[in-house]
C-alpha atoms as a PDB file:
ATOM      1  CA  UNK A   1      -0.103 -11.378 -14.475  1.00  0.00           C
ATOM      2  CA  UNK A   2      -0.347 -10.529 -18.124  1.00  0.00           C
ATOM      3  CA  UNK A   3       1.939 -11.296 -21.020  1.00  0.00           C
ATOM      4  CA  UNK A   4       3.252 -14.535 -22.442  1.00  0.00           C
ATOM      5  CA  UNK A   5       6.552 -14.691 -20.557  1.00  0.00           C
ATOM      6  CA  UNK A   6       6.756 -16.958 -17.525  1.00  0.00           C
ATOM      7  CA  UNK A   7       8.521 -16.496 -14.158  1.00  0.00           C
ATOM      8  CA  UNK A   8      11.863 -18.177 -13.621  1.00  0.00           C
ATOM      9  CA  UNK A   9      11.496 -21.942 -13.237  1.00  0.00           C
ATOM     10  CA  UNK A  10      14.243 -22.134 -10.563  1.00  0.00           C
ATOM     11  CA  UNK A  11      12.463 -19.713  -8.246  1.00  0.00           C
ATOM     12  CA  UNK A  12      14.237 -19.257  -4.910  1.00  0.00           C
ATOM     13  CA  UNK A  13      12.123 -16.529  -3.388  1.00  0.00           C
ATOM     14  CA  UNK A  14      10.311 -13.201  -3.609  1.00  0.00           C
ATOM     15  CA  UNK A  15      11.324  -9.605  -2.995  1.00  0.00           C
ATOM     16  CA  UNK A  16       8.436  -7.649  -1.486  1.00  0.00           C
ATOM     17  CA  UNK A  17       8.959  -3.966  -2.335  1.00  0.00           C
ATOM     18  CA  UNK A  18       7.420  -1.046  -0.464  1.00  0.00           C
ATOM     19  CA  UNK A  19       5.569   2.064  -1.614  1.00  0.00           C
ATOM     20  CA  UNK A  20       7.576   3.684  -4.435  1.00  0.00           C
ATOM     21  CA  UNK A  21       5.502   6.884  -4.685  1.00  0.00           C
ATOM     22  CA  UNK A  22       6.934   8.160  -7.955  1.00  0.00           C
ATOM     23  CA  UNK A  23      10.637   7.832  -7.071  1.00  0.00           C
ATOM     24  CA  UNK A  24      12.171   6.022 -10.037  1.00  0.00           C
ATOM     25  CA  UNK A  25      15.737   6.660  -8.858  1.00  0.00           C
ATOM     26  CA  UNK A  26      15.077   4.789  -5.619  1.00  0.00           C
ATOM     27  CA  UNK A  27      13.310   1.983  -7.475  1.00  0.00           C
ATOM     28  CA  UNK A  28      16.189   1.449  -9.912  1.00  0.00           C
ATOM     29  CA  UNK A  29      18.746   1.558  -7.105  1.00  0.00           C
ATOM     30  CA  UNK A  30      16.812  -1.028  -5.086  1.00  0.00           C
ATOM     31  CA  UNK A  31      16.213  -3.374  -8.021  1.00  0.00           C
ATOM     32  CA  UNK A  32      19.917  -3.323  -8.864  1.00  0.00           C
ATOM     33  CA  UNK A  33      20.874  -3.916  -5.232  1.00  0.00           C
ATOM     34  CA  UNK A  34      18.501  -6.902  -5.200  1.00  0.00           C
ATOM     35  CA  UNK A  35      20.193  -8.347  -8.277  1.00  0.00           C
ATOM     36  CA  UNK A  36      17.621  -7.485 -10.945  1.00  0.00           C
ATOM     37  CA  UNK A  37      19.122  -6.641 -14.329  1.00  0.00           C
ATOM     38  CA  UNK A  38      17.796  -5.233 -17.582  1.00  0.00           C
ATOM     39  CA  UNK A  39      17.146  -7.860 -20.248  1.00  0.00           C
ATOM     40  CA  UNK A  40      17.364  -7.313 -24.010  1.00  0.00           C
ATOM     41  CA  UNK A  41      13.922  -5.706 -23.946  1.00  0.00           C
ATOM     42  CA  UNK A  42      14.861  -3.221 -21.255  1.00  0.00           C
ATOM     43  CA  UNK A  43      12.884  -5.008 -18.523  1.00  0.00           C
ATOM     44  CA  UNK A  44      14.224  -5.714 -15.050  1.00  0.00           C
ATOM     45  CA  UNK A  45      14.467  -9.422 -14.241  1.00  0.00           C
ATOM     46  CA  UNK A  46      16.084 -11.689 -11.691  1.00  0.00           C
ATOM     47  CA  UNK A  47      17.167 -15.205 -12.698  1.00  0.00           C
ATOM     48  CA  UNK A  48      15.677 -16.814  -9.574  1.00  0.00           C
ATOM     49  CA  UNK A  49      13.373 -14.327  -7.850  1.00  0.00           C
ATOM     50  CA  UNK A  50      10.147 -12.401  -8.406  1.00  0.00           C
ATOM     51  CA  UNK A  51       9.380  -8.895  -7.158  1.00  0.00           C
ATOM     52  CA  UNK A  52       6.092  -8.131  -5.409  1.00  0.00           C
ATOM     53  CA  UNK A  53       4.974  -4.487  -5.263  1.00  0.00           C
ATOM     54  CA  UNK A  54       2.617  -3.576  -2.416  1.00  0.00           C
ATOM     55  CA  UNK A  55       0.967  -0.636  -4.235  1.00  0.00           C
ATOM     56  CA  UNK A  56       1.224   3.150  -4.040  1.00  0.00           C
ATOM     57  CA  UNK A  57       3.443   3.407  -7.091  1.00  0.00           C
ATOM     58  CA  UNK A  58       2.318   6.985  -7.700  1.00  0.00           C
ATOM     59  CA  UNK A  59       2.043  10.467  -6.129  1.00  0.00           C
ATOM     60  CA  UNK A  60       4.499  12.384  -3.906  1.00  0.00           C
ATOM     61  CA  UNK A  61       7.442  11.907  -6.310  1.00  0.00           C
ATOM     62  CA  UNK A  62       7.859  13.401  -9.789  1.00  0.00           C
ATOM     63  CA  UNK A  63       8.750  10.286 -11.807  1.00  0.00           C
ATOM     64  CA  UNK A  64       5.388   8.561 -11.852  1.00  0.00           C
ATOM     65  CA  UNK A  65       5.465   7.683 -15.541  1.00  0.00           C
ATOM     66  CA  UNK A  66       8.897   6.072 -15.273  1.00  0.00           C
ATOM     67  CA  UNK A  67       7.959   4.092 -12.168  1.00  0.00           C
ATOM     68  CA  UNK A  68       4.775   2.795 -13.765  1.00  0.00           C
ATOM     69  CA  UNK A  69       6.602   1.848 -16.973  1.00  0.00           C
ATOM     70  CA  UNK A  70       9.268  -0.104 -15.066  1.00  0.00           C
ATOM     71  CA  UNK A  71       6.787  -1.963 -12.889  1.00  0.00           C
ATOM     72  CA  UNK A  72       4.274  -2.730 -15.626  1.00  0.00           C
ATOM     73  CA  UNK A  73       7.010  -4.076 -17.887  1.00  0.00           C
ATOM     74  CA  UNK A  74       8.118  -6.372 -15.061  1.00  0.00           C
ATOM     75  CA  UNK A  75       4.546  -7.530 -14.513  1.00  0.00           C
ATOM     76  CA  UNK A  76       4.025  -8.182 -18.226  1.00  0.00           C
ATOM     77  CA  UNK A  77       7.274 -10.143 -18.387  1.00  0.00           C
ATOM     78  CA  UNK A  78       6.344 -12.320 -15.406  1.00  0.00           C
ATOM     79  CA  UNK A  79       9.085 -10.942 -13.158  1.00  0.00           C
ATOM     80  CA  UNK A  80       6.735  -9.095 -10.774  1.00  0.00           C
ATOM     81  CA  UNK A  81       3.362  -9.163  -9.082  1.00  0.00           C
ATOM     82  CA  UNK A  82       1.653  -5.831  -8.389  1.00  0.00           C
ATOM     83  CA  UNK A  83      -1.251  -5.088  -6.048  1.00  0.00           C
ATOM     84  CA  UNK A  84      -3.372  -1.973  -5.645  1.00  0.00           C
ATOM     85  CA  UNK A  85      -2.589   0.725  -3.102  1.00  0.00           C
ATOM     86  CA  UNK A  86      -4.902   3.424  -1.868  1.00  0.00           C
ATOM     87  CA  UNK A  87      -3.281   5.943  -4.245  1.00  0.00           C
ATOM     88  CA  UNK A  88      -4.151   3.804  -7.276  1.00  0.00           C
ATOM     89  CA  UNK A  89      -7.679   3.348  -5.918  1.00  0.00           C
ATOM     90  CA  UNK A  90      -8.035   7.085  -5.367  1.00  0.00           C
ATOM     91  CA  UNK A  91      -6.662   7.882  -8.834  1.00  0.00           C
ATOM     92  CA  UNK A  92      -9.365   5.767 -10.463  1.00  0.00           C
ATOM     93  CA  UNK A  93     -12.073   7.285  -8.263  1.00  0.00           C
ATOM     94  CA  UNK A  94     -10.830  10.800  -8.983  1.00  0.00           C
ATOM     95  CA  UNK A  95     -11.233  10.206 -12.734  1.00  0.00           C
ATOM     96  CA  UNK A  96     -14.456   8.180 -12.758  1.00  0.00           C
ATOM     97  CA  UNK A  97     -17.722  10.181 -13.119  1.00  0.00           C
ATOM     98  CA  UNK A  98     -20.628   9.292 -10.867  1.00  0.00           C
ATOM     99  CA  UNK A  99     -23.456   7.493 -12.699  1.00  0.00           C
ATOM    100  CA  UNK A 100     -25.864  10.348 -11.932  1.00  0.00           C
ATOM    101  CA  UNK A 101     -23.468  12.852 -13.508  1.00  0.00           C
ATOM    102  CA  UNK A 102     -22.995  14.717 -10.227  1.00  0.00           C
ATOM    103  CA  UNK A 103     -19.202  14.952 -10.029  1.00  0.00           C
ATOM    104  CA  UNK A 104     -16.740  12.107  -9.597  1.00  0.00           C
ATOM    105  CA  UNK A 105     -16.486   9.097  -7.316  1.00  0.00           C
ATOM    106  CA  UNK A 106     -13.678  10.879  -5.474  1.00  0.00           C
ATOM    107  CA  UNK A 107     -14.472  14.521  -4.921  1.00  0.00           C
ATOM    108  CA  UNK A 108     -12.346  17.080  -6.782  1.00  0.00           C
ATOM    109  CA  UNK A 109     -11.668  19.055  -3.607  1.00  0.00           C
ATOM    110  CA  UNK A 110      -8.527  21.101  -3.048  1.00  0.00           C
ATOM    111  CA  UNK A 111      -7.348  18.540  -0.506  1.00  0.00           C
ATOM    112  CA  UNK A 112      -7.843  15.544  -2.802  1.00  0.00           C
ATOM    113  CA  UNK A 113      -6.167  17.337  -5.699  1.00  0.00           C
ATOM    114  CA  UNK A 114      -3.181  18.188  -3.475  1.00  0.00           C
ATOM    115  CA  UNK A 115      -2.740  14.519  -2.569  1.00  0.00           C
ATOM    116  CA  UNK A 116      -2.814  13.578  -6.267  1.00  0.00           C
ATOM    117  CA  UNK A 117      -1.160  16.585  -7.876  1.00  0.00           C
ATOM    118  CA  UNK A 118       2.098  14.951  -9.013  1.00  0.00           C
ATOM    119  CA  UNK A 119       0.295  12.318 -11.078  1.00  0.00           C
ATOM    120  CA  UNK A 120      -2.105  14.884 -12.563  1.00  0.00           C
ATOM    121  CA  UNK A 121       0.611  17.341 -13.525  1.00  0.00           C
ATOM    122  CA  UNK A 122       2.984  14.733 -14.925  1.00  0.00           C
ATOM    123  CA  UNK A 123       0.291  13.177 -17.129  1.00  0.00           C
ATOM    124  CA  UNK A 124      -1.765  16.108 -18.458  1.00  0.00           C
ATOM    125  CA  UNK A 125      -2.881  14.221 -21.588  1.00  0.00           C
ATOM    126  CA  UNK A 126      -6.249  12.551 -20.790  1.00  0.00           C
ATOM    127  CA  UNK A 127      -5.615   9.581 -23.087  1.00  0.00           C
ATOM    128  CA  UNK A 128      -2.250   8.774 -21.532  1.00  0.00           C
ATOM    129  CA  UNK A 129      -3.660   9.186 -18.055  1.00  0.00           C
ATOM    130  CA  UNK A 130      -6.557   6.856 -18.888  1.00  0.00           C
ATOM    131  CA  UNK A 131      -4.137   4.223 -20.169  1.00  0.00           C
ATOM    132  CA  UNK A 132      -2.585   3.988 -16.723  1.00  0.00           C
ATOM    133  CA  UNK A 133      -5.911   4.233 -14.897  1.00  0.00           C
ATOM    134  CA  UNK A 134      -7.182   1.274 -16.926  1.00  0.00           C
ATOM    135  CA  UNK A 135      -4.135  -0.667 -15.721  1.00  0.00           C
ATOM    136  CA  UNK A 136      -4.777   0.326 -12.101  1.00  0.00           C
ATOM    137  CA  UNK A 137      -8.269  -1.146 -12.381  1.00  0.00           C
ATOM    138  CA  UNK A 138      -6.776  -4.561 -13.208  1.00  0.00           C
ATOM    139  CA  UNK A 139      -4.622  -4.694 -10.070  1.00  0.00           C
ATOM    140  CA  UNK A 140      -5.666  -7.143  -7.338  1.00  0.00           C
ATOM    141  CA  UNK A 141      -6.562  -5.764  -3.922  1.00  0.00           C
ATOM    142  CA  UNK A 142      -4.485  -8.475  -2.248  1.00  0.00           C
ATOM    143  CA  UNK A 143      -2.502 -11.625  -2.988  1.00  0.00           C
ATOM    144  CA  UNK A 144      -2.398 -14.979  -1.262  1.00  0.00           C
ATOM    145  CA  UNK A 145       0.577 -16.711  -2.824  1.00  0.00           C
ATOM    146  CA  UNK A 146       0.254 -19.834  -0.688  1.00  0.00           C
ATOM    147  CA  UNK A 147       3.033 -19.574   1.893  1.00  0.00           C
ATOM    148  CA  UNK A 148       2.556 -15.809   2.375  1.00  0.00           C
ATOM    149  CA  UNK A 149       0.122 -12.957   1.772  1.00  0.00           C
ATOM    150  CA  UNK A 150       0.407  -9.388   0.521  1.00  0.00           C
ATOM    151  CA  UNK A 151      -1.969  -6.473   1.075  1.00  0.00           C
ATOM    152  CA  UNK A 152      -1.468  -2.734   0.954  1.00  0.00           C
ATOM    153  CA  UNK A 153      -2.684  -1.750   4.422  1.00  0.00           C
ATOM    154  CA  UNK A 154      -4.520  -4.406   6.468  1.00  0.00           C
ATOM    155  CA  UNK A 155      -5.219  -8.120   6.154  1.00  0.00           C
ATOM    156  CA  UNK A 156      -8.677  -8.361   7.728  1.00  0.00           C
ATOM    157  CA  UNK A 157     -10.663 -11.523   7.061  1.00  0.00           C
ATOM    158  CA  UNK A 158     -14.155 -10.005   7.695  1.00  0.00           C
ATOM    159  CA  UNK A 159     -13.411  -7.247   5.158  1.00  0.00           C
ATOM    160  CA  UNK A 160     -12.093  -9.780   2.654  1.00  0.00           C
ATOM    161  CA  UNK A 161     -15.358 -11.716   2.975  1.00  0.00           C
ATOM    162  CA  UNK A 162     -17.322  -8.549   2.184  1.00  0.00           C
ATOM    163  CA  UNK A 163     -15.083  -7.925  -0.830  1.00  0.00           C
ATOM    164  CA  UNK A 164     -15.307 -11.477  -2.216  1.00  0.00           C
ATOM    165  CA  UNK A 165     -18.551 -11.143  -4.245  1.00  0.00           C
ATOM    166  CA  UNK A 166     -17.225  -7.973  -5.902  1.00  0.00           C
ATOM    167  CA  UNK A 167     -13.886  -9.403  -7.050  1.00  0.00           C
ATOM    168  CA  UNK A 168     -12.723 -10.958 -10.286  1.00  0.00           C
ATOM    169  CA  UNK A 169     -10.853 -14.283 -10.070  1.00  0.00           C
ATOM    170  CA  UNK A 170      -7.557 -12.356  -9.851  1.00  0.00           C
ATOM    171  CA  UNK A 171      -8.889 -10.310  -6.858  1.00  0.00           C
ATOM    172  CA  UNK A 172      -9.302  -7.082  -8.836  1.00  0.00           C
ATOM    173  CA  UNK A 173     -12.526  -5.119  -8.430  1.00  0.00           C
ATOM    174  CA  UNK A 174     -15.327  -5.940 -10.844  1.00  0.00           C
ATOM    175  CA  UNK A 175     -16.478  -2.997 -12.929  1.00  0.00           C
ATOM    176  CA  UNK A 176     -19.821  -2.646 -11.140  1.00  0.00           C
ATOM    177  CA  UNK A 177     -18.048  -2.503  -7.755  1.00  0.00           C
ATOM    178  CA  UNK A 178     -16.376   0.874  -8.227  1.00  0.00           C
ATOM    179  CA  UNK A 179     -19.435   2.954  -7.365  1.00  0.00           C
ATOM    180  CA  UNK A 180     -20.245   1.154  -4.071  1.00  0.00           C
ATOM    181  CA  UNK A 181     -16.531   1.134  -3.209  1.00  0.00           C
ATOM    182  CA  UNK A 182     -16.743   4.952  -3.092  1.00  0.00           C
ATOM    183  CA  UNK A 183     -20.199   5.171  -1.450  1.00  0.00           C
ATOM    184  CA  UNK A 184     -19.736   5.726   2.276  1.00  0.00           C
ATOM    185  CA  UNK A 185     -23.052   4.134   3.216  1.00  0.00           C
ATOM    186  CA  UNK A 186     -22.194   0.883   1.414  1.00  0.00           C
ATOM    187  CA  UNK A 187     -20.481  -2.018   3.269  1.00  0.00           C
ATOM    188  CA  UNK A 188     -18.077  -2.359   0.350  1.00  0.00           C
ATOM    189  CA  UNK A 189     -16.729   1.136   1.074  1.00  0.00           C
ATOM    190  CA  UNK A 190     -15.792   0.168   4.627  1.00  0.00           C
ATOM    191  CA  UNK A 191     -14.178  -3.107   3.535  1.00  0.00           C
ATOM    192  CA  UNK A 192     -12.164  -1.432   0.780  1.00  0.00           C
ATOM    193  CA  UNK A 193     -11.043   1.344   3.139  1.00  0.00           C
ATOM    194  CA  UNK A 194      -9.861  -1.182   5.723  1.00  0.00           C
ATOM    195  CA  UNK A 195      -7.878  -3.314   3.262  1.00  0.00           C
ATOM    196  CA  UNK A 196      -6.299  -0.419   1.337  1.00  0.00           C
ATOM    197  CA  UNK A 197      -6.143   2.364   3.945  1.00  0.00           C
ATOM    198  CA  UNK A 198      -5.993   0.553   7.275  1.00  0.00           C
ATOM    199  CA  UNK A 199      -7.934   0.699  10.510  1.00  0.00           C
ATOM    200  CA  UNK A 200      -8.767   4.137  11.893  1.00  0.00           C
ATOM    201  CA  UNK A 201     -10.291   4.948  15.278  1.00  0.00           C
ATOM    202  CA  UNK A 202     -11.792   8.167  16.570  1.00  0.00           C
ATOM    203  CA  UNK A 203      -9.569  10.185  18.874  1.00  0.00           C
ATOM    204  CA  UNK A 204     -10.959  11.301  22.238  1.00  0.00           C
ATOM    205  CA  UNK A 205     -12.893  14.594  22.200  1.00  0.00           C
ATOM    206  CA  UNK A 206     -10.509  17.542  22.183  1.00  0.00           C
ATOM    207  CA  UNK A 207      -7.598  15.482  20.810  1.00  0.00           C
ATOM    208  CA  UNK A 208      -6.240  15.887  17.290  1.00  0.00           C
ATOM    209  CA  UNK A 209      -2.944  15.804  15.407  1.00  0.00           C
ATOM    210  CA  UNK A 210      -1.469  17.189  12.186  1.00  0.00           C
ATOM    211  CA  UNK A 211      -0.448  14.783   9.430  1.00  0.00           C
ATOM    212  CA  UNK A 212       2.542  15.124   7.085  1.00  0.00           C
ATOM    213  CA  UNK A 213       0.579  17.543   4.891  1.00  0.00           C
ATOM    214  CA  UNK A 214      -0.410  19.676   7.934  1.00  0.00           C
ATOM    215  CA  UNK A 215      -4.034  18.565   7.837  1.00  0.00           C
ATOM    216  CA  UNK A 216      -5.630  18.388  11.279  1.00  0.00           C
ATOM    217  CA  UNK A 217      -7.031  14.911  11.887  1.00  0.00           C
ATOM    218  CA  UNK A 218      -9.446  13.551  14.472  1.00  0.00           C
ATOM    219  CA  UNK A 219      -9.041   9.884  13.565  1.00  0.00           C
ATOM    220  CA  UNK A 220      -5.817   7.896  13.710  1.00  0.00           C
ATOM    221  CA  UNK A 221      -4.540   4.747  12.017  1.00  0.00           C
ATOM    222  CA  UNK A 222      -3.704   1.960  14.436  1.00  0.00           C
ATOM    223  CA  UNK A 223      -1.199  -0.888  14.334  1.00  0.00           C
ATOM    224  CA  UNK A 224      -3.499  -3.852  13.703  1.00  0.00           C
ATOM    225  CA  UNK A 225      -0.531  -6.215  13.995  1.00  0.00           C
ATOM    226  CA  UNK A 226       0.034  -5.447  17.704  1.00  0.00           C
ATOM    227  CA  UNK A 227      -1.382  -8.055  20.074  1.00  0.00           C
ATOM    228  CA  UNK A 228      -1.026  -6.547  23.554  1.00  0.00           C
ATOM    229  CA  UNK A 229      -0.413  -2.779  23.681  1.00  0.00           C
ATOM    230  CA  UNK A 230      -0.813  -0.944  26.973  1.00  0.00           C
ATOM    231  CA  UNK A 231      -1.917   2.431  25.604  1.00  0.00           C
ATOM    232  CA  UNK A 232      -3.456   3.964  22.516  1.00  0.00           C
ATOM    233  CA  UNK A 233      -0.211   5.878  21.934  1.00  0.00           C
ATOM    234  CA  UNK A 234       1.601   2.578  21.285  1.00  0.00           C
ATOM    235  CA  UNK A 235      -0.596   1.677  18.329  1.00  0.00           C
ATOM    236  CA  UNK A 236      -1.430   5.150  16.961  1.00  0.00           C
ATOM    237  CA  UNK A 237       0.377   6.265  13.809  1.00  0.00           C
ATOM    238  CA  UNK A 238       1.062   9.937  14.460  1.00  0.00           C
ATOM    239  CA  UNK A 239       3.872  11.615  12.470  1.00  0.00           C
ATOM    240  CA  UNK A 240       6.238  14.327  13.685  1.00  0.00           C
ATOM    241  CA  UNK A 241       6.339  13.554  17.425  1.00  0.00           C
ATOM    242  CA  UNK A 242       7.623  17.025  18.276  1.00  0.00           C
ATOM    243  CA  UNK A 243       4.804  18.824  16.527  1.00  0.00           C
ATOM    244  CA  UNK A 244       2.215  16.389  17.896  1.00  0.00           C
ATOM    245  CA  UNK A 245       3.667  15.992  21.390  1.00  0.00           C
ATOM    246  CA  UNK A 246       0.458  17.049  23.121  1.00  0.00           C
ATOM    247  CA  UNK A 247      -1.627  14.502  21.213  1.00  0.00           C
ATOM    248  CA  UNK A 248       0.824  11.705  21.988  1.00  0.00           C
ATOM    249  CA  UNK A 249       0.859  12.664  25.669  1.00  0.00           C
ATOM    250  CA  UNK A 250      -2.938  12.539  25.784  1.00  0.00           C
ATOM    251  CA  UNK A 251      -3.017   9.129  24.092  1.00  0.00           C
ATOM    252  CA  UNK A 252      -0.365   7.710  26.420  1.00  0.00           C
ATOM    253  CA  UNK A 253      -2.838   8.048  29.289  1.00  0.00           C
ATOM    254  CA  UNK A 254      -5.537   6.085  27.463  1.00  0.00           C
ATOM    255  CA  UNK A 255      -5.820   2.314  27.443  1.00  0.00           C
ATOM    256  CA  UNK A 256      -5.842   0.709  24.013  1.00  0.00           C
ATOM    257  CA  UNK A 257      -9.280  -0.335  22.831  1.00  0.00           C
ATOM    258  CA  UNK A 258      -9.218  -4.094  23.378  1.00  0.00           C
ATOM    259  CA  UNK A 259     -12.369  -4.632  21.329  1.00  0.00           C
ATOM    260  CA  UNK A 260     -10.872  -2.900  18.284  1.00  0.00           C
ATOM    261  CA  UNK A 261      -7.705  -4.955  18.617  1.00  0.00           C
ATOM    262  CA  UNK A 262      -9.611  -8.207  18.885  1.00  0.00           C
ATOM    263  CA  UNK A 263     -11.587  -7.316  15.777  1.00  0.00           C
ATOM    264  CA  UNK A 264      -8.665  -6.270  13.601  1.00  0.00           C
ATOM    265  CA  UNK A 265      -5.625  -8.144  14.961  1.00  0.00           C
ATOM    266  CA  UNK A 266      -4.055 -10.491  12.424  1.00  0.00           C
ATOM    267  CA  UNK A 267      -5.090 -14.075  13.152  1.00  0.00           C
ATOM    268  CA  UNK A 268      -3.274 -15.773  10.278  1.00  0.00           C
ATOM    269  CA  UNK A 269      -0.668 -18.509  10.600  1.00  0.00           C
ATOM    270  CA  UNK A 270       1.366 -17.425   7.565  1.00  0.00           C
ATOM    271  CA  UNK A 271       3.396 -14.242   6.917  1.00  0.00           C
ATOM    272  CA  UNK A 272       1.678 -11.132   5.619  1.00  0.00           C
ATOM    273  CA  UNK A 273       3.522  -8.213   4.006  1.00  0.00           C
ATOM    274  CA  UNK A 274       2.122  -4.698   3.642  1.00  0.00           C
ATOM    275  CA  UNK A 275       3.115  -1.075   3.047  1.00  0.00           C
ATOM    276  CA  UNK A 276       1.223   2.183   3.627  1.00  0.00           C
ATOM    277  CA  UNK A 277       2.391   3.281   7.092  1.00  0.00           C
ATOM    278  CA  UNK A 278       5.319   5.653   6.417  1.00  0.00           C
ATOM    279  CA  UNK A 279       7.573   4.013   9.001  1.00  0.00           C
ATOM    280  CA  UNK A 280      11.060   5.311   9.825  1.00  0.00           C
ATOM    281  CA  UNK A 281      14.244   3.986  11.381  1.00  0.00           C
ATOM    282  CA  UNK A 282      15.860   0.608  10.815  1.00  0.00           C
ATOM    283  CA  UNK A 283      13.492  -1.801   9.047  1.00  0.00           C
ATOM    284  CA  UNK A 284      12.298  -4.600  11.285  1.00  0.00           C
ATOM    285  CA  UNK A 285       9.424  -7.052  11.446  1.00  0.00           C
ATOM    286  CA  UNK A 286       6.325  -5.961  13.335  1.00  0.00           C
ATOM    287  CA  UNK A 287       5.631  -9.487  14.605  1.00  0.00           C
ATOM    288  CA  UNK A 288       6.774 -13.008  13.683  1.00  0.00           C
ATOM    289  CA  UNK A 289       4.126 -13.034  10.926  1.00  0.00           C
ATOM    290  CA  UNK A 290       3.813  -9.349   9.952  1.00  0.00           C
ATOM    291  CA  UNK A 291       6.251  -7.090   8.095  1.00  0.00           C
ATOM    292  CA  UNK A 292       5.770  -3.554   6.774  1.00  0.00           C
ATOM    293  CA  UNK A 293       7.986  -2.566   3.847  1.00  0.00           C
ATOM    294  CA  UNK A 294       7.067   1.141   3.699  1.00  0.00           C
ATOM    295  CA  UNK A 295       9.861   3.232   5.219  1.00  0.00           C
ATOM    296  CA  UNK A 296       8.836   6.568   3.723  1.00  0.00           C
ATOM    297  CA  UNK A 297      10.456   6.367   0.289  1.00  0.00           C
ATOM    298  CA  UNK A 298       7.773   8.840  -0.790  1.00  0.00           C
ATOM    299  CA  UNK A 299       9.549  11.490   1.252  1.00  0.00           C
ATOM    300  CA  UNK A 300      13.117  11.274   2.541  1.00  0.00           C
ATOM    301  CA  UNK A 301      13.261   7.602   3.495  1.00  0.00           C
ATOM    302  CA  UNK A 302      14.755   4.629   1.665  1.00  0.00           C
ATOM    303  CA  UNK A 303      12.878   2.301  -0.623  1.00  0.00           C
ATOM    304  CA  UNK A 304      12.760  -0.986   1.242  1.00  0.00           C
ATOM    305  CA  UNK A 305      12.275  -4.649   0.348  1.00  0.00           C
ATOM    306  CA  UNK A 306      11.897  -7.843   2.320  1.00  0.00           C
ATOM    307  CA  UNK A 307      13.747 -10.791   0.764  1.00  0.00           C
ATOM    308  CA  UNK A 308      11.505 -13.769   1.475  1.00  0.00           C
ATOM    309  CA  UNK A 309      13.230 -17.129   1.098  1.00  0.00           C
ATOM    310  CA  UNK A 310      10.600 -19.551   2.312  1.00  0.00           C
ATOM    311  CA  UNK A 311      10.680 -18.822   6.034  1.00  0.00           C
ATOM    312  CA  UNK A 312       7.444 -18.893   8.043  1.00  0.00           C
ATOM    313  CA  UNK A 313       8.825 -16.781  10.883  1.00  0.00           C
ATOM    314  CA  UNK A 314      10.000 -13.446   9.503  1.00  0.00           C
ATOM    315  CA  UNK A 315      13.511 -12.132  10.173  1.00  0.00           C
ATOM    316  CA  UNK A 316      14.867  -8.610  10.553  1.00  0.00           C
ATOM    317  CA  UNK A 317      18.003  -9.376   8.558  1.00  0.00           C
ATOM    318  CA  UNK A 318      15.979 -10.121   5.412  1.00  0.00           C
ATOM    319  CA  UNK A 319      15.239  -6.429   4.850  1.00  0.00           C
ATOM    320  CA  UNK A 320      17.190  -4.404   2.322  1.00  0.00           C
ATOM    321  CA  UNK A 321      16.824  -0.606   2.324  1.00  0.00           C
ATOM    322  CA  UNK A 322      18.502   1.528  -0.336  1.00  0.00           C
ATOM    323  CA  UNK A 323      19.090   5.262  -0.691  1.00  0.00           C
ATOM    324  CA  UNK A 324      20.042   6.170  -4.285  1.00  0.00           C
END
């Protein structure tokens, strides 16, 4: 964290907050419901707790500037930790020229622009946009706070070992790491993708689905926290079941790839919190040690937090989800 202010000395716990995605109204409503109040400097604080943001502060919503200002002020004041999400990673790559001068680290395709359009349109001034991009580059890719861990998409020890030589002491990417992190042939690309975007597997030939932006996809994210699924459908993250009924039916007849699960399943003995997966329904833990806090606040869902109070085994009743 930056800034001279220190966290509360009588700390009683942490509030792990899901993907905000540019929805300042939901963020303010959740912070107030959690007991955070504005101090004399206009910064949200809690007398005994610290907020932890799992990344993806931007895109989808139309209040990106306000969200970033709230969260950065909390970080500077010592009342929040913030990690990088794939949208912050992509924003930096979208703006960073390739060393050879041939375009940008993240291609300026119509698809990539559509995924990033809210941030681009809300911050048209290049200097203001760069101010926030420079902040994104300081965000750690993950946190290990001792009794629990936080990552945006997947806690995967082999990927973390690949990342280690490219990280600053605070787990942010070193400056020279940005180019290999966006170079598909480089091992750092794969490790960064896994940690910030999750595990994806190829769908069987002839099987595809349409994501929430109606893009046809031939790879699917899987639930790396599941230990013993019986079919690929159980661990595949496919939105809009009605629209993608045929794909789900095809996957239900396929056994889950045991090798993939063994490689990516969480092996830790302490809780890990993450976002990224656009879940729906009543918030609940994914396993005794794994909890997702992304319940689609970027669209029509609530912004969700898990109120951690020192427990090693996570509990469903520690979630708080708020609609403004």
